[in-house]
Amino acid sequence: MLKQRKENYEQLNKKLTEGDDKQISTVDEESRLLTVKDNIAEVSYNIQAVSDSKHSLIVEFDTVNESDQHQLSRMACSAMEALGVEEITAEADKGYHVGKQLQECKEKGITTLVAYPERNSRAKQIDPAYYTDKFLYDAANDTYICPQGATLTTNGEWYDKKRKNRTSYQIKRYSTPQCKTCPVKHLCTSAKQGRLIERSQYQEVIDENNKRVDANAALYKKRQQICEHPFGTIKRGWGYNHTLLRGIKKVNAEMAIIFTVYNLRRVITIPGVTELLRRLKKWKPVYYELKSCLIKALYGKENFEVQIRA
């Protein structure tokens, strides 16, 4: 028994060392260790869903085994295609705040309202009057002007910067020798060399997004009402707080059933059963398949839910 276990662990170790993936799940090969909240991580899948703001219907969804940081542009584009529109406003939480994704959205006609991360503990140690956003960027000269009037310049070189999720982007660095003799240096930085500002290659689109968020605080607050409504109903109301199947394709199929049922239950209350059936008659094959389900959903709730779960 011990010999078999050793051989098994050796094979797993070989996969880790020889393959590109640095994770192996022995329960579900395609699931991964993902951060679900703050510093809490679970071996799971990440369900992506796009909801419309008017009716909280699921417009598009997908099951992935990676973080939110690569999903914004892809999901927003899928939603645009599903809705048949050329422009869309996408609201998302700070987990989606990635410069490259914001840039891709801008290029594809997607207006973003993505919450930006809070300042880290190190940044909070300085006086608020000297936060990075208090330094004015001069695009014509590619320099920053600090609150004391000093000019921070760059050598023009781009440096690679890596995120925690191993994605990378490029930055420029800006500094000034005047920091060393500045009377309020202690309010601005604790670094001996003086204040150093890093500017991302995506800084322009990041600033545009952040300004929109600040200018539309009331609109952004509706995000939770829009995208959390379906998950709240499905997880809390219906009790679907975990999936039953294994493998990313099977889990995605399971979510397709759940989201389809959710949308059906929503449209029953929006236009009403009679109007819904009238519209469905335009697509007769769909109409006859769904007619009995809709009737059960209206008059036999328990039977309908059991049928879907099965």
C-alpha atoms as a PDB file:
ATOM      1  CA  MET A   1       0.000   0.000   0.000  1.00  0.00           C
ATOM      2  CA  LEU A   2       2.740   2.482   0.938  1.00  0.00           C
ATOM      3  CA  LYS A   3       4.648   1.607  -2.234  1.00  0.00           C
ATOM      4  CA  GLN A   4       1.564   2.328  -4.380  1.00  0.00           C
ATOM      5  CA  ARG A   5       1.013   5.636  -2.644  1.00  0.00           C
ATOM      6  CA  LYS A   6       4.643   6.583  -3.184  1.00  0.00           C
ATOM      7  CA  GLU A   7       4.435   5.745  -6.889  1.00  0.00           C
ATOM      8  CA  ASN A   8       1.236   7.778  -7.171  1.00  0.00           C
ATOM      9  CA  TYR A   9       2.838  10.816  -5.538  1.00  0.00           C
ATOM     10  CA  GLU A  10       5.892  10.466  -7.778  1.00  0.00           C
ATOM     11  CA  GLN A  11       3.661  10.501 -10.852  1.00  0.00           C
ATOM     12  CA  LEU A  12       1.851  13.592  -9.581  1.00  0.00           C
ATOM     13  CA  ASN A  13       5.166  15.298  -8.908  1.00  0.00           C
ATOM     14  CA  LYS A  14       6.346  14.432 -12.421  1.00  0.00           C
ATOM     15  CA  LYS A  15       3.229  16.049 -13.904  1.00  0.00           C
ATOM     16  CA  LEU A  16       3.848  19.207 -11.894  1.00  0.00           C
ATOM     17  CA  THR A  17       7.509  19.494 -12.842  1.00  0.00           C
ATOM     18  CA  GLU A  18       7.109  18.645 -16.526  1.00  0.00           C
ATOM     19  CA  GLY A  19       3.816  20.396 -17.251  1.00  0.00           C
ATOM     20  CA  ASP A  20       2.944  24.078 -17.521  1.00  0.00           C
ATOM     21  CA  ASP A  21       0.197  23.853 -14.919  1.00  0.00           C
ATOM     22  CA  LYS A  22       1.321  24.176 -11.317  1.00  0.00           C
ATOM     23  CA  GLN A  23      -1.806  22.592  -9.836  1.00  0.00           C
ATOM     24  CA  ILE A  24      -3.293  19.101  -9.787  1.00  0.00           C
ATOM     25  CA  SER A  25      -6.654  18.213  -8.297  1.00  0.00           C
ATOM     26  CA  THR A  26      -7.069  14.541  -7.474  1.00  0.00           C
ATOM     27  CA  VAL A  27     -10.849  14.904  -7.109  1.00  0.00           C
ATOM     28  CA  ASP A  28     -11.619  16.813 -10.311  1.00  0.00           C
ATOM     29  CA  GLU A  29      -8.695  17.187 -12.715  1.00  0.00           C
ATOM     30  CA  GLU A  30     -10.007  20.388 -14.264  1.00  0.00           C
ATOM     31  CA  SER A  31     -10.858  22.245 -11.036  1.00  0.00           C
ATOM     32  CA  ARG A  32      -8.318  24.624  -9.505  1.00  0.00           C
ATOM     33  CA  LEU A  33      -7.505  26.359  -6.232  1.00  0.00           C
ATOM     34  CA  LEU A  34      -9.237  29.733  -6.562  1.00  0.00           C
ATOM     35  CA  THR A  35      -9.618  32.651  -4.187  1.00  0.00           C
ATOM     36  CA  VAL A  36     -13.323  32.911  -3.403  1.00  0.00           C
ATOM     37  CA  LYS A  37     -13.223  35.816  -0.932  1.00  0.00           C
ATOM     38  CA  ASP A  38     -10.415  37.871   0.569  1.00  0.00           C
ATOM     39  CA  ASN A  39      -7.748  35.283   1.477  1.00  0.00           C
ATOM     40  CA  ILE A  40     -10.107  32.287   1.446  1.00  0.00           C
ATOM     41  CA  ALA A  41      -9.307  29.770  -1.304  1.00  0.00           C
ATOM     42  CA  GLU A  42     -11.161  26.639  -2.402  1.00  0.00           C
ATOM     43  CA  VAL A  43     -10.659  23.994  -5.085  1.00  0.00           C
ATOM     44  CA  SER A  44     -13.513  24.931  -7.365  1.00  0.00           C
ATOM     45  CA  TYR A  45     -14.720  26.414 -10.624  1.00  0.00           C
ATOM     46  CA  ASN A  46     -15.448  30.080 -11.339  1.00  0.00           C
ATOM     47  CA  ILE A  47     -18.918  30.724 -12.755  1.00  0.00           C
ATOM     48  CA  GLN A  48     -19.026  33.849 -14.903  1.00  0.00           C
ATOM     49  CA  ALA A  49     -22.422  35.420 -15.602  1.00  0.00           C
ATOM     50  CA  VAL A  50     -23.601  38.605 -17.299  1.00  0.00           C
ATOM     51  CA  SER A  51     -26.974  40.016 -16.218  1.00  0.00           C
ATOM     52  CA  ASP A  52     -28.982  42.792 -17.851  1.00  0.00           C
ATOM     53  CA  SER A  53     -29.826  45.849 -15.759  1.00  0.00           C
ATOM     54  CA  LYS A  54     -33.533  45.995 -16.614  1.00  0.00           C
ATOM     55  CA  HIS A  55     -34.769  42.501 -15.721  1.00  0.00           C
ATOM     56  CA  SER A  56     -31.751  40.776 -14.082  1.00  0.00           C
ATOM     57  CA  LEU A  57     -31.862  38.052 -16.720  1.00  0.00           C
ATOM     58  CA  ILE A  58     -28.764  35.980 -17.465  1.00  0.00           C
ATOM     59  CA  VAL A  59     -27.532  37.221 -20.843  1.00  0.00           C
ATOM     60  CA  GLU A  60     -24.360  35.119 -21.033  1.00  0.00           C
ATOM     61  CA  PHE A  61     -22.439  32.733 -18.793  1.00  0.00           C
ATOM     62  CA  ASP A  62     -19.425  30.448 -18.774  1.00  0.00           C
ATOM     63  CA  THR A  63     -17.554  28.146 -16.407  1.00  0.00           C
ATOM     64  CA  VAL A  64     -13.801  28.705 -16.054  1.00  0.00           C
ATOM     65  CA  ASN A  65     -11.055  27.435 -13.763  1.00  0.00           C
ATOM     66  CA  GLU A  66      -9.150  30.699 -13.380  1.00  0.00           C
ATOM     67  CA  SER A  67      -9.631  34.049 -11.662  1.00  0.00           C
ATOM     68  CA  ASP A  68     -11.854  36.955 -12.756  1.00  0.00           C
ATOM     69  CA  GLN A  69      -8.888  38.961 -14.007  1.00  0.00           C
ATOM     70  CA  HIS A  70      -9.049  37.664 -17.594  1.00  0.00           C
ATOM     71  CA  GLN A  71     -12.825  37.541 -18.017  1.00  0.00           C
ATOM     72  CA  LEU A  72     -14.131  41.106 -18.390  1.00  0.00           C
ATOM     73  CA  SER A  73     -13.552  41.724 -22.094  1.00  0.00           C
ATOM     74  CA  ARG A  74     -14.461  38.190 -23.160  1.00  0.00           C
ATOM     75  CA  MET A  75     -17.738  38.071 -21.232  1.00  0.00           C
ATOM     76  CA  ALA A  76     -18.761  41.602 -22.201  1.00  0.00           C
ATOM     77  CA  CYS A  77     -18.145  40.815 -25.883  1.00  0.00           C
ATOM     78  CA  SER A  78     -20.180  37.620 -25.592  1.00  0.00           C
ATOM     79  CA  ALA A  79     -23.011  39.625 -24.045  1.00  0.00           C
ATOM     80  CA  MET A  80     -22.880  42.158 -26.889  1.00  0.00           C
ATOM     81  CA  GLU A  81     -23.119  39.336 -29.413  1.00  0.00           C
ATOM     82  CA  ALA A  82     -26.020  37.717 -27.555  1.00  0.00           C
ATOM     83  CA  LEU A  83     -27.916  41.015 -27.380  1.00  0.00           C
ATOM     84  CA  GLY A  84     -27.056  42.024 -30.939  1.00  0.00           C
ATOM     85  CA  VAL A  85     -25.695  45.447 -29.976  1.00  0.00           C
ATOM     86  CA  GLU A  86     -22.529  47.333 -30.862  1.00  0.00           C
ATOM     87  CA  GLU A  87     -22.147  49.271 -27.602  1.00  0.00           C
ATOM     88  CA  ILE A  88     -22.598  48.244 -24.004  1.00  0.00           C
ATOM     89  CA  THR A  89     -21.825  49.491 -20.487  1.00  0.00           C
ATOM     90  CA  ALA A  90     -20.223  46.840 -18.314  1.00  0.00           C
ATOM     91  CA  GLU A  91     -20.203  47.088 -14.518  1.00  0.00           C
ATOM     92  CA  ALA A  92     -17.975  44.794 -12.468  1.00  0.00           C
ATOM     93  CA  ASP A  93     -16.286  44.567  -9.079  1.00  0.00           C
ATOM     94  CA  LYS A  94     -12.606  45.221  -8.401  1.00  0.00           C
ATOM     95  CA  GLY A  95     -11.610  41.641  -9.192  1.00  0.00           C
ATOM     96  CA  TYR A  96     -12.005  42.572 -12.869  1.00  0.00           C
ATOM     97  CA  HIS A  97      -9.917  45.747 -12.635  1.00  0.00           C
ATOM     98  CA  VAL A  98      -7.043  44.870 -15.005  1.00  0.00           C
ATOM     99  CA  GLY A  99      -5.515  47.423 -17.354  1.00  0.00           C
ATOM    100  CA  LYS A 100      -5.274  45.119 -20.356  1.00  0.00           C
ATOM    101  CA  GLN A 101      -8.908  44.085 -20.000  1.00  0.00           C
ATOM    102  CA  LEU A 102     -10.045  47.702 -19.722  1.00  0.00           C
ATOM    103  CA  GLN A 103      -8.058  48.551 -22.859  1.00  0.00           C
ATOM    104  CA  GLU A 104      -9.609  45.673 -24.807  1.00  0.00           C
ATOM    105  CA  CYS A 105     -13.069  46.780 -23.713  1.00  0.00           C
ATOM    106  CA  LYS A 106     -12.451  50.337 -24.888  1.00  0.00           C
ATOM    107  CA  GLU A 107     -11.268  49.119 -28.282  1.00  0.00           C
ATOM    108  CA  LYS A 108     -14.424  47.012 -28.673  1.00  0.00           C
ATOM    109  CA  GLY A 109     -16.918  49.745 -27.792  1.00  0.00           C
ATOM    110  CA  ILE A 110     -17.506  48.630 -24.212  1.00  0.00           C
ATOM    111  CA  THR A 111     -17.821  51.390 -21.603  1.00  0.00           C
ATOM    112  CA  THR A 112     -16.543  50.083 -18.284  1.00  0.00           C
ATOM    113  CA  LEU A 113     -17.523  50.894 -14.715  1.00  0.00           C
ATOM    114  CA  VAL A 114     -15.147  48.606 -12.841  1.00  0.00           C
ATOM    115  CA  ALA A 115     -14.435  49.306  -9.176  1.00  0.00           C
ATOM    116  CA  TYR A 116     -10.777  50.056  -8.547  1.00  0.00           C
ATOM    117  CA  PRO A 117      -8.822  48.390  -5.704  1.00  0.00           C
ATOM    118  CA  GLU A 118      -8.317  50.188  -2.429  1.00  0.00           C
ATOM    119  CA  ARG A 119      -4.872  51.533  -1.572  1.00  0.00           C
ATOM    120  CA  ASN A 120      -2.626  49.003   0.096  1.00  0.00           C
ATOM    121  CA  SER A 121      -1.450  49.441   3.690  1.00  0.00           C
ATOM    122  CA  ARG A 122       1.869  50.876   2.560  1.00  0.00           C
ATOM    123  CA  ALA A 123       0.219  53.575   0.457  1.00  0.00           C
ATOM    124  CA  LYS A 124      -2.090  54.508   3.342  1.00  0.00           C
ATOM    125  CA  GLN A 125       0.916  55.391   5.491  1.00  0.00           C
ATOM    126  CA  ILE A 126       1.562  58.605   3.569  1.00  0.00           C
ATOM    127  CA  ASP A 127      -0.419  61.831   3.878  1.00  0.00           C
ATOM    128  CA  PRO A 128      -3.577  61.770   1.662  1.00  0.00           C
ATOM    129  CA  ALA A 129      -2.427  65.030   0.083  1.00  0.00           C
ATOM    130  CA  TYR A 130       0.435  63.075  -1.515  1.00  0.00           C
ATOM    131  CA  TYR A 131      -1.435  60.052  -2.867  1.00  0.00           C
ATOM    132  CA  THR A 132      -0.452  59.198  -6.434  1.00  0.00           C
ATOM    133  CA  ASP A 133      -3.652  60.654  -7.875  1.00  0.00           C
ATOM    134  CA  LYS A 134      -2.619  64.045  -6.446  1.00  0.00           C
ATOM    135  CA  PHE A 135       0.371  64.090  -8.813  1.00  0.00           C
ATOM    136  CA  LEU A 136      -0.604  65.709 -12.131  1.00  0.00           C
ATOM    137  CA  TYR A 137       0.486  63.928 -15.293  1.00  0.00           C
ATOM    138  CA  ASP A 138       1.746  66.088 -18.173  1.00  0.00           C
ATOM    139  CA  ALA A 139       1.167  63.974 -21.282  1.00  0.00           C
ATOM    140  CA  ALA A 140       2.961  66.427 -23.596  1.00  0.00           C
ATOM    141  CA  ASN A 141       6.226  66.181 -21.659  1.00  0.00           C
ATOM    142  CA  ASP A 142       5.664  62.720 -20.149  1.00  0.00           C
ATOM    143  CA  THR A 143       6.286  64.006 -16.625  1.00  0.00           C
ATOM    144  CA  TYR A 144       4.499  64.233 -13.283  1.00  0.00           C
ATOM    145  CA  ILE A 145       4.113  67.399 -11.197  1.00  0.00           C
ATOM    146  CA  CYS A 146       4.028  66.767  -7.447  1.00  0.00           C
ATOM    147  CA  PRO A 147       1.834  68.802  -5.030  1.00  0.00           C
ATOM    148  CA  GLN A 148       4.952  70.835  -4.094  1.00  0.00           C
ATOM    149  CA  GLY A 149       5.559  71.761  -7.741  1.00  0.00           C
ATOM    150  CA  ALA A 150       8.550  69.511  -8.422  1.00  0.00           C
ATOM    151  CA  THR A 151       8.775  67.718 -11.783  1.00  0.00           C
ATOM    152  CA  LEU A 152       9.207  63.929 -11.818  1.00  0.00           C
ATOM    153  CA  THR A 153      10.850  62.673 -15.001  1.00  0.00           C
ATOM    154  CA  THR A 154      11.459  59.263 -16.546  1.00  0.00           C
ATOM    155  CA  ASN A 155      14.389  57.769 -18.434  1.00  0.00           C
ATOM    156  CA  GLY A 156      11.889  56.572 -21.036  1.00  0.00           C
ATOM    157  CA  GLU A 157      12.525  52.870 -20.481  1.00  0.00           C
ATOM    158  CA  TRP A 158       9.734  50.327 -19.975  1.00  0.00           C
ATOM    159  CA  TYR A 159      10.014  47.742 -17.192  1.00  0.00           C
ATOM    160  CA  ASP A 160       8.116  44.482 -16.763  1.00  0.00           C
ATOM    161  CA  LYS A 161       5.768  44.337 -13.798  1.00  0.00           C
ATOM    162  CA  LYS A 162       4.201  41.070 -12.651  1.00  0.00           C
ATOM    163  CA  ARG A 163       0.912  40.644 -10.853  1.00  0.00           C
ATOM    164  CA  LYS A 164       0.213  37.993  -8.247  1.00  0.00           C
ATOM    165  CA  ASN A 165      -1.523  35.869 -10.866  1.00  0.00           C
ATOM    166  CA  ARG A 166       1.692  35.836 -12.950  1.00  0.00           C
ATOM    167  CA  THR A 167       0.346  38.127 -15.691  1.00  0.00           C
ATOM    168  CA  SER A 168       2.678  40.959 -16.593  1.00  0.00           C
ATOM    169  CA  TYR A 169       2.481  44.443 -18.026  1.00  0.00           C
ATOM    170  CA  GLN A 170       4.925  47.277 -18.585  1.00  0.00           C
ATOM    171  CA  ILE A 171       5.536  50.406 -16.550  1.00  0.00           C
ATOM    172  CA  LYS A 172       7.603  53.578 -16.629  1.00  0.00           C
ATOM    173  CA  ARG A 173       9.201  55.016 -13.485  1.00  0.00           C
ATOM    174  CA  TYR A 174       9.240  58.681 -12.538  1.00  0.00           C
ATOM    175  CA  SER A 175      11.336  60.431  -9.884  1.00  0.00           C
ATOM    176  CA  THR A 176      13.075  63.722  -9.050  1.00  0.00           C
ATOM    177  CA  PRO A 177      16.284  64.594  -7.160  1.00  0.00           C
ATOM    178  CA  GLN A 178      14.372  67.420  -5.453  1.00  0.00           C
ATOM    179  CA  CYS A 179      12.829  64.851  -3.092  1.00  0.00           C
ATOM    180  CA  LYS A 180      16.066  64.686  -1.093  1.00  0.00           C
ATOM    181  CA  THR A 181      15.791  68.324  -0.013  1.00  0.00           C
ATOM    182  CA  CYS A 182      11.994  68.567   0.156  1.00  0.00           C
ATOM    183  CA  PRO A 183      10.789  69.828   3.579  1.00  0.00           C
ATOM    184  CA  VAL A 184       7.665  67.598   3.480  1.00  0.00           C
ATOM    185  CA  LYS A 185       9.362  64.447   2.204  1.00  0.00           C
ATOM    186  CA  HIS A 186       8.296  62.553   5.336  1.00  0.00           C
ATOM    187  CA  LEU A 187       4.642  63.136   4.411  1.00  0.00           C
ATOM    188  CA  CYS A 188       5.138  61.804   0.898  1.00  0.00           C
ATOM    189  CA  THR A 189       7.467  58.806   1.194  1.00  0.00           C
ATOM    190  CA  SER A 190       9.741  56.900   3.554  1.00  0.00           C
ATOM    191  CA  ALA A 191      12.139  55.848   0.774  1.00  0.00           C
ATOM    192  CA  LYS A 192      15.636  57.312   1.100  1.00  0.00           C
ATOM    193  CA  GLN A 193      15.899  57.920  -2.638  1.00  0.00           C
ATOM    194  CA  GLY A 194      12.628  59.852  -2.664  1.00  0.00           C
ATOM    195  CA  ARG A 195       9.213  59.334  -4.227  1.00  0.00           C
ATOM    196  CA  LEU A 196       8.959  56.885  -7.137  1.00  0.00           C
ATOM    197  CA  ILE A 197       5.832  56.785  -9.290  1.00  0.00           C
ATOM    198  CA  GLU A 198       5.096  53.880 -11.609  1.00  0.00           C
ATOM    199  CA  ARG A 199       2.894  54.478 -14.649  1.00  0.00           C
ATOM    200  CA  SER A 200       1.268  51.482 -16.352  1.00  0.00           C
ATOM    201  CA  GLN A 201       1.114  51.168 -20.106  1.00  0.00           C
ATOM    202  CA  TYR A 202      -2.671  51.094 -19.580  1.00  0.00           C
ATOM    203  CA  GLN A 203      -2.769  54.070 -17.198  1.00  0.00           C
ATOM    204  CA  GLU A 204      -4.814  56.274 -19.506  1.00  0.00           C
ATOM    205  CA  VAL A 205      -7.703  53.828 -19.805  1.00  0.00           C
ATOM    206  CA  ILE A 206      -7.416  52.974 -16.089  1.00  0.00           C
ATOM    207  CA  ASP A 207      -7.809  56.646 -15.172  1.00  0.00           C
ATOM    208  CA  GLU A 208     -10.788  56.997 -17.524  1.00  0.00           C
ATOM    209  CA  ASN A 209     -12.521  54.032 -15.917  1.00  0.00           C
ATOM    210  CA  ASN A 210     -11.795  55.221 -12.372  1.00  0.00           C
ATOM    211  CA  LYS A 211     -13.153  58.704 -13.098  1.00  0.00           C
ATOM    212  CA  ARG A 212     -16.358  57.176 -14.490  1.00  0.00           C
ATOM    213  CA  VAL A 213     -16.777  55.116 -11.329  1.00  0.00           C
ATOM    214  CA  ASP A 214     -16.330  58.208  -9.137  1.00  0.00           C
ATOM    215  CA  ALA A 215     -18.712  60.241 -11.288  1.00  0.00           C
ATOM    216  CA  ASN A 216     -21.388  57.514 -11.347  1.00  0.00           C
ATOM    217  CA  ALA A 217     -21.362  56.267  -7.763  1.00  0.00           C
ATOM    218  CA  ALA A 218     -25.144  55.841  -7.653  1.00  0.00           C
ATOM    219  CA  LEU A 219     -25.149  53.902 -10.919  1.00  0.00           C
ATOM    220  CA  TYR A 220     -22.327  51.642  -9.801  1.00  0.00           C
ATOM    221  CA  LYS A 221     -24.162  50.789  -6.583  1.00  0.00           C
ATOM    222  CA  LYS A 222     -26.832  49.136  -8.720  1.00  0.00           C
ATOM    223  CA  ARG A 223     -24.257  46.546  -9.781  1.00  0.00           C
ATOM    224  CA  GLN A 224     -25.060  44.342  -6.799  1.00  0.00           C
ATOM    225  CA  GLN A 225     -28.777  44.530  -7.554  1.00  0.00           C
ATOM    226  CA  ILE A 226     -28.071  43.481 -11.138  1.00  0.00           C
ATOM    227  CA  CYS A 227     -25.516  40.688 -10.968  1.00  0.00           C
ATOM    228  CA  GLU A 228     -26.031  39.450  -7.412  1.00  0.00           C
ATOM    229  CA  HIS A 229     -29.781  39.033  -7.871  1.00  0.00           C
ATOM    230  CA  PRO A 230     -29.525  35.803  -9.943  1.00  0.00           C
ATOM    231  CA  PHE A 231     -26.871  34.249  -7.701  1.00  0.00           C
ATOM    232  CA  GLY A 232     -28.807  35.189  -4.575  1.00  0.00           C
ATOM    233  CA  THR A 233     -31.946  33.544  -5.940  1.00  0.00           C
ATOM    234  CA  ILE A 234     -30.154  30.421  -7.160  1.00  0.00           C
ATOM    235  CA  LYS A 235     -27.883  29.879  -4.161  1.00  0.00           C
ATOM    236  CA  ARG A 236     -29.983  31.128  -1.254  1.00  0.00           C
ATOM    237  CA  GLY A 237     -33.515  30.752  -2.561  1.00  0.00           C
ATOM    238  CA  TRP A 238     -33.144  27.486  -4.444  1.00  0.00           C
ATOM    239  CA  GLY A 239     -30.258  25.963  -2.488  1.00  0.00           C
ATOM    240  CA  TYR A 240     -27.855  25.454  -5.420  1.00  0.00           C
ATOM    241  CA  ASN A 241     -24.692  26.333  -3.484  1.00  0.00           C
ATOM    242  CA  HIS A 242     -22.557  23.664  -5.155  1.00  0.00           C
ATOM    243  CA  THR A 243     -22.448  21.670  -8.368  1.00  0.00           C
ATOM    244  CA  LEU A 244     -23.060  17.935  -8.639  1.00  0.00           C
ATOM    245  CA  LEU A 245     -20.946  17.034 -11.657  1.00  0.00           C
ATOM    246  CA  ARG A 246     -17.207  16.933 -12.359  1.00  0.00           C
ATOM    247  CA  GLY A 247     -15.295  18.275 -15.337  1.00  0.00           C
ATOM    248  CA  ILE A 248     -15.577  21.782 -16.702  1.00  0.00           C
ATOM    249  CA  LYS A 249     -17.887  20.865 -19.615  1.00  0.00           C
ATOM    250  CA  LYS A 250     -20.295  18.954 -17.388  1.00  0.00           C
ATOM    251  CA  VAL A 251     -20.335  21.702 -14.777  1.00  0.00           C
ATOM    252  CA  ASN A 252     -21.018  24.244 -17.524  1.00  0.00           C
ATOM    253  CA  ALA A 253     -23.908  22.093 -18.766  1.00  0.00           C
ATOM    254  CA  GLU A 254     -25.265  21.903 -15.219  1.00  0.00           C
ATOM    255  CA  MET A 255     -25.092  25.694 -14.932  1.00  0.00           C
ATOM    256  CA  ALA A 256     -26.810  26.010 -18.317  1.00  0.00           C
ATOM    257  CA  ILE A 257     -29.806  24.111 -16.948  1.00  0.00           C
ATOM    258  CA  ILE A 258     -29.889  26.142 -13.744  1.00  0.00           C
ATOM    259  CA  PHE A 259     -29.564  29.502 -15.517  1.00  0.00           C
ATOM    260  CA  THR A 260     -32.179  28.501 -18.112  1.00  0.00           C
ATOM    261  CA  VAL A 261     -34.630  27.649 -15.347  1.00  0.00           C
ATOM    262  CA  TYR A 262     -33.811  30.923 -13.610  1.00  0.00           C
ATOM    263  CA  ASN A 263     -34.494  32.903 -16.795  1.00  0.00           C
ATOM    264  CA  LEU A 264     -37.757  31.031 -17.369  1.00  0.00           C
ATOM    265  CA  ARG A 265     -38.930  31.771 -13.863  1.00  0.00           C
ATOM    266  CA  ARG A 266     -38.032  35.432 -14.371  1.00  0.00           C
ATOM    267  CA  VAL A 267     -39.840  35.833 -17.703  1.00  0.00           C
ATOM    268  CA  ILE A 268     -42.944  34.213 -16.225  1.00  0.00           C
ATOM    269  CA  THR A 269     -43.228  37.212 -13.912  1.00  0.00           C
ATOM    270  CA  ILE A 270     -42.099  39.872 -16.420  1.00  0.00           C
ATOM    271  CA  PRO A 271     -44.397  39.625 -19.512  1.00  0.00           C
ATOM    272  CA  GLY A 272     -46.619  36.916 -18.001  1.00  0.00           C
ATOM    273  CA  VAL A 273     -47.266  33.356 -19.172  1.00  0.00           C
ATOM    274  CA  THR A 274     -49.769  34.252 -21.897  1.00  0.00           C
ATOM    275  CA  GLU A 275     -47.543  36.873 -23.502  1.00  0.00           C
ATOM    276  CA  LEU A 276     -44.494  34.635 -23.144  1.00  0.00           C
ATOM    277  CA  LEU A 277     -46.195  31.725 -24.930  1.00  0.00           C
ATOM    278  CA  ARG A 278     -47.403  34.084 -27.648  1.00  0.00           C
ATOM    279  CA  ARG A 279     -43.850  35.238 -28.313  1.00  0.00           C
ATOM    280  CA  LEU A 280     -42.483  31.714 -28.189  1.00  0.00           C
ATOM    281  CA  LYS A 281     -44.868  30.624 -30.943  1.00  0.00           C
ATOM    282  CA  LYS A 282     -42.561  32.425 -33.350  1.00  0.00           C
ATOM    283  CA  TRP A 283     -40.110  29.606 -32.697  1.00  0.00           C
ATOM    284  CA  LYS A 284     -42.468  26.624 -32.770  1.00  0.00           C
ATOM    285  CA  PRO A 285     -39.919  23.877 -31.906  1.00  0.00           C
ATOM    286  CA  VAL A 286     -38.936  25.810 -28.786  1.00  0.00           C
ATOM    287  CA  TYR A 287     -42.542  26.605 -27.972  1.00  0.00           C
ATOM    288  CA  TYR A 288     -43.746  23.007 -27.854  1.00  0.00           C
ATOM    289  CA  GLU A 289     -40.726  21.883 -25.831  1.00  0.00           C
ATOM    290  CA  LEU A 290     -41.154  24.579 -23.216  1.00  0.00           C
ATOM    291  CA  LYS A 291     -44.919  24.857 -22.997  1.00  0.00           C
ATOM    292  CA  SER A 292     -45.362  21.983 -20.547  1.00  0.00           C
ATOM    293  CA  CYS A 293     -42.409  23.195 -18.456  1.00  0.00           C
ATOM    294  CA  LEU A 294     -43.902  26.669 -18.195  1.00  0.00           C
ATOM    295  CA  ILE A 295     -47.268  25.308 -17.105  1.00  0.00           C
ATOM    296  CA  LYS A 296     -45.587  23.201 -14.433  1.00  0.00           C
ATOM    297  CA  ALA A 297     -43.536  26.185 -13.336  1.00  0.00           C
ATOM    298  CA  LEU A 298     -46.730  28.183 -12.872  1.00  0.00           C
ATOM    299  CA  TYR A 299     -48.965  25.560 -11.263  1.00  0.00           C
ATOM    300  CA  GLY A 300     -46.626  22.862  -9.967  1.00  0.00           C
ATOM    301  CA  LYS A 301     -43.516  24.453  -8.504  1.00  0.00           C
ATOM    302  CA  GLU A 302     -42.185  21.403  -6.680  1.00  0.00           C
ATOM    303  CA  ASN A 303     -42.671  19.066  -9.642  1.00  0.00           C
ATOM    304  CA  PHE A 304     -40.912  21.528 -11.922  1.00  0.00           C
ATOM    305  CA  GLU A 305     -37.890  21.889  -9.668  1.00  0.00           C
ATOM    306  CA  VAL A 306     -37.553  18.144  -9.171  1.00  0.00           C
ATOM    307  CA  GLN A 307     -37.715  17.595 -12.924  1.00  0.00           C
ATOM    308  CA  ILE A 308     -34.944  20.111 -13.563  1.00  0.00           C
ATOM    309  CA  ARG A 309     -32.700  18.761 -10.824  1.00  0.00           C
ATOM    310  CA  ALA A 310     -33.059  15.254 -12.183  1.00  0.00           C
END
